[in-house]
Amino acid sequence: MRKRNLFQLPSENPDFPANSMAPPPLSQENSFSFPNFPGIFRNHPRCRYLCVSTACILLYLLYTLTSVFISAQLLFNLELQRDFDAPRRVTLHSSRVFHSPEAFELDYEKMEKELKVFVYPDGDPETYFHTPRKLTGKYSSEGYFFKNIKESRFFTADPLQAHLFFIPISCHKMRGKGLTYELMIYEVGKYVESLKFKYPYWNRTLGADHFFVTCHDIGAKATNGVPYLVKNSIRVVCSSSYDGLFIPHKDVTLPQVQLPFLHPAGGNDIKRRKILAFWAGRSDSKLKDELAAVWDNDTELDIQNNRIDRHATGSIVYLEKLYRSKFCLCPHGPVGSSRIADSIHYGCVPVIMSNYYDLPFNEILDWRKFSVVVKESDLYQLKDILRNISEKDFVTLNQNLVKVQKHFQWNTPPVRLDAFHMVMYELWLRRHLTRYF
């Protein structure tokens, strides 16, 4: 029997009459027909196989797509129900000023519930221990911490419950009583030695779970007589320059705030800020000398190489300048300064001018969102840098500055998320022991 070519035209196929499009007769077993297929393809076995295979593939694809759609719908409903059932959390902060707002919120709440600090009871409060010298002036942050720790939820009288141990000796009080730098080193060393002899807690970690707080300019150096206090213990200090033995992953920057603030907080007051940038102070560093020399007579940068009476009144004094300036220059110097905290409080965007400086709460707050950070070598391009900040970006910086003001305020008793609590959170992050031998 001659094999038929299915792809021949009827006129070319000898099995088909030349004048007919009808197919040749088939046997009964091949008499099954597909009415939708014309001519030669209607009853051929290969055609039936091809059609059945195609139909199966189409049905399988339809089944797969339907399954995927139903699964996606079920997952969506499950997530929706889970979100509906989940308890609503109160947002503590704006994501614009925090590195990781969700992680901070969860960990902060955990700290509030769990963190306990034991304060060594030894030492006479009438000398250098436990109580603050005063709660005013440029070292008031140290005084507030001494007062806040005992009136906070973190204080415990049971050392077995404590995560951290506070060494309550005040360098500010020692300085106020006239002690020299050498005598301060001696007093700190003597006190720590007495704690090591009397209690087991220092010896079991070599002081890694102990911390020491000072805001005085030479307070951090007063620990030099106790090597393990420098290398192992957490030093909470205002002077956080890396060239002063400050160890960033271990030590904590204490925000230096000069209290009381003489005027209300600023911010959200863009229209009245007509001065591009302002700085007034004494030249106690090469950076400040160059700042005054380069920009002293500029018409847009208000640079005054002298100290202004902060308590004076009038339209041209220090505080008024802070209210009227867009940016406040904060050049790094050899001693601590409250200039950054002043700028934040009065709504003047701080311009941090330093190569090596660990900013307060740098692990929590994103300083790029509410300040301008430049290198010391950028001094000569300073005006161009500030002028190139668009009005829209400046408004954002100013608005974010208002959001962080509460984190640089001290209160008694302490208030949630204020400066004291932010310092405690920094300590919480360092509660896991780190030792050097």
Protein backbone atom coordinates (compact mmCIF):
# COMPACT_ATOMS: atom_id res chain seq x y z
CA MET A 1 0.00 0.00 0.00
CA ARG A 2 1.37 3.42 -0.90
CA LYS A 3 2.17 5.63 2.06
CA ARG A 4 0.27 8.87 2.00
CA ASN A 5 1.88 12.21 2.48
CA LEU A 6 -0.37 14.23 4.71
CA PHE A 7 1.20 17.47 3.62
CA GLN A 8 0.51 17.01 -0.11
CA LEU A 9 -2.16 19.07 -1.65
CA PRO A 10 -5.25 17.10 -2.80
CA SER A 11 -4.39 17.74 -6.45
CA GLU A 12 -0.94 16.21 -5.90
CA ASN A 13 -2.16 13.14 -3.99
CA PRO A 14 -3.10 10.21 -6.23
CA ASP A 15 -5.52 8.84 -3.62
CA PHE A 16 -7.71 11.90 -4.03
CA PRO A 17 -9.78 12.60 -7.13
CA ALA A 18 -8.58 15.70 -8.86
CA ASN A 19 -11.97 17.29 -8.71
CA SER A 20 -12.78 16.42 -5.11
CA MET A 21 -11.65 17.57 -1.67
CA ALA A 22 -13.21 14.54 0.07
CA PRO A 23 -10.84 12.10 1.82
CA PRO A 24 -10.66 8.44 0.80
CA PRO A 25 -12.80 5.96 2.70
CA LEU A 26 -11.36 4.73 5.99
CA SER A 27 -11.91 1.57 7.97
CA GLN A 28 -14.41 1.40 10.85
CA GLU A 29 -11.69 1.59 13.46
CA ASN A 30 -10.52 4.87 12.00
CA SER A 31 -13.96 6.26 11.51
CA PHE A 32 -13.76 8.51 14.64
CA SER A 33 -14.00 12.12 13.51
CA PHE A 34 -13.23 15.54 14.88
CA PRO A 35 -15.88 17.80 13.39
CA ASN A 36 -13.84 20.96 14.03
CA PHE A 37 -10.93 19.80 11.87
CA PRO A 38 -11.31 20.29 8.13
CA GLY A 39 -10.58 17.88 5.33
CA ILE A 40 -7.70 15.49 5.58
CA PHE A 41 -6.91 16.23 9.27
CA ARG A 42 -10.34 15.28 10.56
CA ASN A 43 -10.08 11.48 10.98
CA HIS A 44 -6.39 10.71 10.70
CA PRO A 45 -4.87 8.80 13.75
CA ARG A 46 -1.90 11.14 14.03
CA CYS A 47 -4.24 14.08 14.07
CA ARG A 48 -6.25 12.55 16.90
CA TYR A 49 -3.03 11.92 18.89
CA LEU A 50 -1.83 15.45 18.31
CA CYS A 51 -5.13 16.95 19.41
CA VAL A 52 -5.36 14.82 22.53
CA SER A 53 -1.78 15.73 23.53
CA THR A 54 -2.42 19.41 22.98
CA ALA A 55 -5.60 19.25 25.03
CA CYS A 56 -3.77 17.54 27.89
CA ILE A 57 -1.05 20.18 27.89
CA LEU A 58 -3.63 22.96 27.92
CA LEU A 59 -5.53 21.33 30.77
CA TYR A 60 -2.29 20.88 32.77
CA LEU A 61 -1.34 24.53 32.27
CA LEU A 62 -4.83 25.62 33.30
CA TYR A 63 -4.63 23.42 36.40
CA THR A 64 -1.18 24.81 37.32
CA LEU A 65 -2.26 28.42 36.91
CA THR A 66 -5.41 27.80 38.94
CA SER A 67 -3.39 26.15 41.74
CA VAL A 68 -0.92 29.04 41.85
CA PHE A 69 -3.72 31.59 41.98
CA ILE A 70 -5.56 29.75 44.76
CA SER A 71 -2.32 29.33 46.80
CA ALA A 72 -1.48 33.02 46.43
CA GLN A 73 -4.98 33.98 47.52
CA LEU A 74 -4.77 31.74 50.58
CA LEU A 75 -1.36 33.19 51.57
CA PHE A 76 -2.65 36.72 51.14
CA ASN A 77 -5.68 36.01 53.33
CA LEU A 78 -3.44 34.37 55.95
CA GLU A 79 -1.09 37.38 56.08
CA LEU A 80 -4.05 39.74 56.21
CA GLN A 81 -5.56 37.84 59.11
CA ARG A 82 -2.17 37.74 60.86
CA ASP A 83 -1.78 41.51 60.50
CA PHE A 84 -5.32 42.01 61.77
CA ASP A 85 -4.75 39.79 64.80
CA ALA A 86 -1.33 41.31 65.65
CA PRO A 87 -1.33 43.94 68.43
CA ARG A 88 -0.83 47.50 67.27
CA ARG A 89 2.46 49.09 68.41
CA VAL A 90 2.91 52.76 69.18
CA THR A 91 5.72 54.19 67.05
CA LEU A 92 8.28 55.91 69.24
CA HIS A 93 10.20 57.71 66.58
CA SER A 94 10.61 58.63 62.94
CA SER A 95 12.54 56.40 60.61
CA ARG A 96 14.20 59.51 59.24
CA VAL A 97 16.50 59.98 62.22
CA PHE A 98 17.18 56.40 63.36
CA HIS A 99 19.46 53.88 61.72
CA SER A 100 17.05 51.02 62.36
CA PRO A 101 13.84 52.26 64.00
CA GLU A 102 12.09 48.89 64.29
CA ALA A 103 15.11 47.15 65.82
CA PHE A 104 15.67 50.06 68.20
CA GLU A 105 12.05 50.06 69.36
CA LEU A 106 12.03 46.36 70.17
CA ASP A 107 15.41 46.39 71.89
CA TYR A 108 14.64 49.59 73.79
CA GLU A 109 11.50 48.04 75.25
CA LYS A 110 13.48 44.97 76.23
CA MET A 111 16.04 47.18 77.97
CA GLU A 112 13.31 48.93 79.95
CA LYS A 113 12.05 45.60 81.24
CA GLU A 114 15.33 43.83 81.94
CA LEU A 115 18.33 46.11 82.50
CA LYS A 116 19.53 46.40 86.09
CA VAL A 117 22.49 48.38 87.41
CA PHE A 118 24.11 47.96 90.79
CA VAL A 119 25.61 51.12 92.26
CA TYR A 120 28.42 50.47 94.72
CA PRO A 121 27.33 51.94 98.09
CA ASP A 122 30.90 52.66 99.23
CA GLY A 123 32.16 56.23 99.45
CA ASP A 124 31.11 59.34 101.33
CA PRO A 125 28.56 61.47 99.42
CA GLU A 126 29.99 64.53 101.12
CA THR A 127 33.32 64.02 99.35
CA TYR A 128 33.48 62.68 95.78
CA PHE A 129 30.84 59.97 95.61
CA HIS A 130 27.21 59.25 94.65
CA THR A 131 25.74 62.74 94.55
CA PRO A 132 26.25 65.35 91.83
CA ARG A 133 28.19 68.51 92.47
CA LYS A 134 25.46 70.52 90.73
CA LEU A 135 22.88 70.24 87.95
CA THR A 136 23.85 73.43 86.14
CA GLY A 137 26.71 74.55 83.97
CA LYS A 138 28.68 72.83 81.22
CA TYR A 139 29.21 69.63 83.24
CA SER A 140 25.56 69.21 84.24
CA SER A 141 25.25 65.99 82.21
CA GLU A 142 27.48 64.22 84.75
CA GLY A 143 25.39 65.56 87.63
CA TYR A 144 22.11 64.52 86.07
CA PHE A 145 23.35 60.98 85.44
CA PHE A 146 24.40 60.56 89.08
CA LYS A 147 20.97 61.75 90.18
CA ASN A 148 18.94 59.89 87.54
CA ILE A 149 20.48 56.45 88.02
CA LYS A 150 19.09 56.04 91.55
CA GLU A 151 15.65 57.38 90.68
CA SER A 152 15.28 55.19 87.62
CA ARG A 153 13.83 51.72 87.06
CA PHE A 154 17.32 50.42 86.28
CA PHE A 155 18.66 50.77 89.82
CA THR A 156 18.94 47.61 91.91
CA ALA A 157 20.33 47.07 95.39
CA ASP A 158 20.92 43.39 94.60
CA PRO A 159 24.21 42.86 92.74
CA LEU A 160 23.13 39.33 91.75
CA GLN A 161 20.43 40.86 89.53
CA ALA A 162 22.75 43.38 87.91
CA HIS A 163 23.89 43.38 84.30
CA LEU A 164 26.25 46.32 84.94
CA PHE A 165 28.03 47.91 87.91
CA PHE A 166 28.38 51.68 88.33
CA ILE A 167 31.52 53.15 89.92
CA PRO A 168 30.01 56.29 91.54
CA ILE A 169 33.05 58.58 91.86
CA SER A 170 32.65 62.10 90.47
CA CYS A 171 35.60 63.84 88.86
CA HIS A 172 33.54 67.03 88.76
CA LYS A 173 33.26 66.98 92.56
CA MET A 174 36.96 66.21 92.91
CA ARG A 175 37.80 69.14 90.65
CA GLY A 176 35.44 71.33 92.64
CA LYS A 177 37.31 70.50 95.82
CA GLY A 178 40.57 71.54 94.23
CA LEU A 179 42.15 68.18 93.53
CA THR A 180 44.95 68.19 91.00
CA TYR A 181 45.08 65.82 88.05
CA GLU A 182 47.56 63.60 89.91
CA LEU A 183 45.38 63.43 93.02
CA MET A 184 42.34 62.56 90.89
CA ILE A 185 44.21 59.61 89.42
CA TYR A 186 45.19 58.52 92.94
CA GLU A 187 41.62 58.76 94.30
CA VAL A 188 40.09 56.81 91.40
CA GLY A 189 42.74 54.09 91.70
CA LYS A 190 42.32 53.81 95.47
CA TYR A 191 38.55 53.52 95.20
CA VAL A 192 38.65 50.80 92.54
CA GLU A 193 41.21 48.83 94.54
CA SER A 194 38.89 48.93 97.56
CA LEU A 195 36.02 47.58 95.45
CA LYS A 196 38.21 44.77 94.10
CA PHE A 197 39.18 43.77 97.65
CA LYS A 198 35.65 43.96 99.11
CA TYR A 199 33.48 42.56 96.29
CA PRO A 200 33.90 39.66 93.83
CA TYR A 201 32.26 41.39 90.85
CA TRP A 202 35.24 43.26 89.42
CA ASN A 203 37.58 40.30 89.62
CA ARG A 204 35.30 37.89 87.75
CA THR A 205 35.33 40.06 84.59
CA LEU A 206 38.37 42.31 85.17
CA GLY A 207 35.95 45.24 85.20
CA ALA A 208 34.39 44.59 81.79
CA ASP A 209 30.84 44.92 83.17
CA HIS A 210 31.66 48.10 85.13
CA PHE A 211 31.27 51.67 83.98
CA PHE A 212 32.49 55.10 85.01
CA VAL A 213 30.85 58.45 84.16
CA THR A 214 32.56 61.81 83.80
CA CYS A 215 32.00 64.97 81.81
CA HIS A 216 34.93 67.04 83.03
CA ASP A 217 37.62 67.85 80.49
CA ILE A 218 40.25 65.77 82.30
CA GLY A 219 37.86 63.24 83.81
CA ALA A 220 38.63 60.52 81.29
CA LYS A 221 42.36 60.85 81.97
CA ALA A 222 41.74 60.37 85.68
CA THR A 223 41.28 56.66 84.95
CA ASN A 224 44.86 56.28 83.73
CA GLY A 225 46.00 55.00 87.12
CA VAL A 226 43.88 51.85 86.68
CA PRO A 227 44.89 50.16 83.39
CA TYR A 228 41.97 47.74 83.38
CA LEU A 229 39.57 50.65 83.91
CA VAL A 230 40.91 52.14 80.69
CA LYS A 231 41.10 48.91 78.68
CA ASN A 232 38.15 46.89 79.99
CA SER A 233 35.58 49.08 81.72
CA ILE A 234 33.06 51.26 79.91
CA ARG A 235 33.93 54.93 80.21
CA VAL A 236 30.98 57.27 79.65
CA VAL A 237 32.66 60.58 78.80
CA CYS A 238 31.92 63.90 77.15
CA SER A 239 35.35 64.15 75.52
CA SER A 240 35.09 61.40 72.92
CA SER A 241 37.96 62.24 70.61
CA TYR A 242 39.86 59.17 69.43
CA ASP A 243 43.17 60.80 70.33
CA GLY A 244 42.15 60.83 74.02
CA LEU A 245 42.17 57.05 74.59
CA PHE A 246 38.48 56.82 73.67
CA ILE A 247 37.62 53.30 72.42
CA PRO A 248 34.45 53.58 70.27
CA HIS A 249 33.11 50.01 70.49
CA LYS A 250 33.58 49.99 74.29
CA ASP A 251 33.20 53.55 75.57
CA VAL A 252 30.08 55.76 75.38
CA THR A 253 29.80 59.41 74.41
CA LEU A 254 27.96 61.47 77.03
CA PRO A 255 26.21 64.46 75.40
CA GLN A 256 27.58 67.62 76.94
CA VAL A 257 24.68 69.94 77.67
CA GLN A 258 24.99 73.31 79.41
CA LEU A 259 21.94 73.77 81.60
CA PRO A 260 19.62 75.43 82.11
CA PHE A 261 18.58 76.47 78.61
CA LEU A 262 17.73 80.14 78.84
CA HIS A 263 15.15 80.14 76.05
CA PRO A 264 12.60 77.72 74.57
CA ALA A 265 13.58 75.19 71.94
CA GLY A 266 13.75 76.37 68.32
CA GLY A 267 12.99 74.68 65.05
CA ASN A 268 10.30 74.76 62.36
CA ASP A 269 11.10 78.47 62.04
CA ILE A 270 12.80 78.62 58.65
CA LYS A 271 11.67 82.11 57.67
CA ARG A 272 13.50 83.94 60.44
CA ARG A 273 16.84 82.19 59.83
CA LYS A 274 18.64 84.67 57.57
CA ILE A 275 22.27 84.01 58.60
CA LEU A 276 23.89 81.19 56.61
CA ALA A 277 26.18 80.01 59.44
CA PHE A 278 27.34 81.18 62.86
CA TRP A 279 30.22 80.48 65.22
CA ALA A 280 31.51 82.32 68.26
CA GLY A 281 34.15 81.09 70.66
CA ARG A 282 37.76 81.23 71.64
CA SER A 283 40.64 79.98 69.52
CA ASP A 284 41.98 77.05 71.50
CA SER A 285 42.92 74.88 68.50
CA LYS A 286 44.53 75.18 65.09
CA LEU A 287 41.18 74.46 63.43
CA LYS A 288 39.46 77.34 65.20
CA ASP A 289 42.36 79.67 64.42
CA GLU A 290 42.07 78.84 60.71
CA LEU A 291 38.28 79.16 60.83
CA ALA A 292 38.55 82.69 62.18
CA ALA A 293 41.36 83.65 59.79
CA VAL A 294 39.56 82.44 56.65
CA TRP A 295 35.98 83.52 57.32
CA ASP A 296 36.23 86.33 59.89
CA ASN A 297 35.09 89.09 57.52
CA ASP A 298 32.66 87.12 55.38
CA THR A 299 29.21 88.61 54.80
CA GLU A 300 27.32 85.30 54.92
CA LEU A 301 29.23 83.44 57.60
CA ASP A 302 28.99 85.13 60.99
CA ILE A 303 32.33 84.22 62.61
CA GLN A 304 33.28 85.82 65.93
CA ASN A 305 36.63 84.87 67.40
CA ASN A 306 35.66 85.67 70.98
CA ARG A 307 33.37 84.51 73.71
CA ILE A 308 29.90 86.02 73.94
CA ASP A 309 28.14 86.35 77.26
CA ARG A 310 25.50 83.60 77.11
CA HIS A 311 23.44 85.33 79.78
CA ALA A 312 23.30 88.70 78.07
CA THR A 313 20.16 90.01 76.39
CA GLY A 314 19.70 91.89 73.16
CA SER A 315 19.40 91.29 69.45
CA ILE A 316 23.04 90.43 68.69
CA VAL A 317 24.03 88.07 71.50
CA TYR A 318 24.87 84.38 71.38
CA LEU A 319 21.41 82.92 71.86
CA GLU A 320 19.81 85.27 69.38
CA LYS A 321 22.37 84.25 66.79
CA LEU A 322 21.45 80.62 67.32
CA TYR A 323 17.80 81.45 66.64
CA ARG A 324 18.58 83.40 63.47
CA SER A 325 21.16 81.12 61.82
CA LYS A 326 20.54 78.21 59.49
CA PHE A 327 23.73 76.38 60.41
CA CYS A 328 25.86 76.48 63.55
CA LEU A 329 29.54 75.58 63.17
CA CYS A 330 30.86 73.10 65.72
CA PRO A 331 34.64 72.84 65.23
CA HIS A 332 36.34 70.22 67.32
CA GLY A 333 38.65 71.49 70.05
CA PRO A 334 40.90 70.16 72.81
CA VAL A 335 38.18 70.38 75.49
CA GLY A 336 34.55 69.39 75.60
CA SER A 337 31.90 71.80 74.40
CA SER A 338 28.13 72.11 74.66
CA ARG A 339 27.95 73.81 71.26
CA ILE A 340 26.39 70.77 69.54
CA ALA A 341 23.66 70.45 72.17
CA ASP A 342 23.03 74.22 72.02
CA SER A 343 22.62 74.04 68.25
CA ILE A 344 20.16 71.15 68.49
CA HIS A 345 18.08 72.82 71.21
CA TYR A 346 17.78 76.15 69.41
CA GLY A 347 16.99 74.58 66.03
CA CYS A 348 20.24 75.54 64.30
CA VAL A 349 21.52 72.66 62.15
CA PRO A 350 24.95 71.70 63.57
CA VAL A 351 27.93 71.48 61.24
CA ILE A 352 30.32 68.96 62.79
CA MET A 353 33.90 69.85 61.86
CA SER A 354 36.16 67.03 63.01
CA ASN A 355 38.20 64.15 61.67
CA TYR A 356 37.97 61.95 64.76
CA TYR A 357 34.93 62.39 66.94
CA ASP A 358 32.38 59.87 68.16
CA LEU A 359 29.05 61.71 68.19
CA PRO A 360 26.53 61.05 70.98
CA PHE A 361 24.21 58.11 70.24
CA ASN A 362 25.97 57.56 66.92
CA GLU A 363 24.97 53.89 66.94
CA ILE A 364 21.29 54.82 67.26
CA LEU A 365 20.78 58.13 65.46
CA ASP A 366 21.69 58.84 61.85
CA TRP A 367 23.44 62.20 62.21
CA ARG A 368 23.41 62.77 58.46
CA LYS A 369 19.64 63.29 58.70
CA PHE A 370 19.80 66.30 61.04
CA SER A 371 23.35 67.67 60.80
CA VAL A 372 26.17 68.31 58.35
CA VAL A 373 29.41 66.40 58.97
CA VAL A 374 32.58 67.64 57.27
CA LYS A 375 36.28 66.98 57.59
CA GLU A 376 38.61 69.58 59.01
CA SER A 377 40.20 69.89 55.58
CA ASP A 378 36.84 71.09 54.21
CA LEU A 379 37.33 74.38 56.01
CA TYR A 380 38.17 76.31 52.85
CA GLN A 381 35.16 74.92 50.95
CA LEU A 382 32.81 75.40 53.90
CA LYS A 383 30.76 78.20 52.39
CA ASP A 384 30.24 76.37 49.10
CA ILE A 385 29.25 73.19 50.93
CA LEU A 386 26.56 75.01 52.90
CA ARG A 387 25.29 77.06 49.97
CA ASN A 388 24.91 73.91 47.87
CA ILE A 389 22.41 72.48 50.36
CA SER A 390 19.03 73.11 48.75
CA GLU A 391 16.20 74.82 50.56
CA LYS A 392 14.23 71.58 50.51
CA ASP A 393 17.09 69.63 52.09
CA PHE A 394 17.59 72.32 54.71
CA VAL A 395 13.91 72.19 55.68
CA THR A 396 14.23 68.42 56.09
CA LEU A 397 17.33 68.80 58.27
CA ASN A 398 15.59 71.38 60.43
CA GLN A 399 12.47 69.27 60.84
CA ASN A 400 14.51 66.21 61.77
CA LEU A 401 16.46 68.32 64.25
CA VAL A 402 13.23 69.02 66.12
CA LYS A 403 12.56 65.28 66.32
CA VAL A 404 15.84 64.55 68.13
CA GLN A 405 15.72 67.44 70.61
CA LYS A 406 14.12 65.29 73.32
CA HIS A 407 17.03 62.84 73.14
CA PHE A 408 19.43 65.58 74.29
CA GLN A 409 17.38 66.82 77.23
CA TRP A 410 18.02 65.91 80.86
CA ASN A 411 15.14 65.61 83.34
CA THR A 412 14.63 64.71 86.95
CA PRO A 413 13.11 62.25 87.34
CA PRO A 414 14.21 60.92 83.96
CA VAL A 415 11.71 60.77 81.09
CA ARG A 416 11.43 58.01 78.53
CA LEU A 417 13.76 58.51 75.54
CA ASP A 418 15.52 61.52 77.11
CA ALA A 419 19.31 61.85 77.32
CA PHE A 420 19.57 59.59 80.36
CA HIS A 421 17.63 56.77 78.73
CA MET A 422 19.62 57.09 75.51
CA VAL A 423 22.86 56.73 77.49
CA MET A 424 21.41 53.73 79.30
CA TYR A 425 20.55 52.16 75.96
CA GLU A 426 24.15 52.64 74.82
CA LEU A 427 25.24 50.84 77.99
CA TRP A 428 22.68 48.12 77.31
CA LEU A 429 24.29 47.51 73.93
CA ARG A 430 27.62 46.99 75.71
CA ARG A 431 26.38 44.68 78.45
CA HIS A 432 28.06 41.69 76.86
CA LEU A 433 31.54 41.39 78.26
CA THR A 434 34.59 42.56 76.34
CA ARG A 435 37.97 42.07 77.96
CA TYR A 436 41.55 42.92 77.13
CA PHE A 437 44.47 41.18 78.81
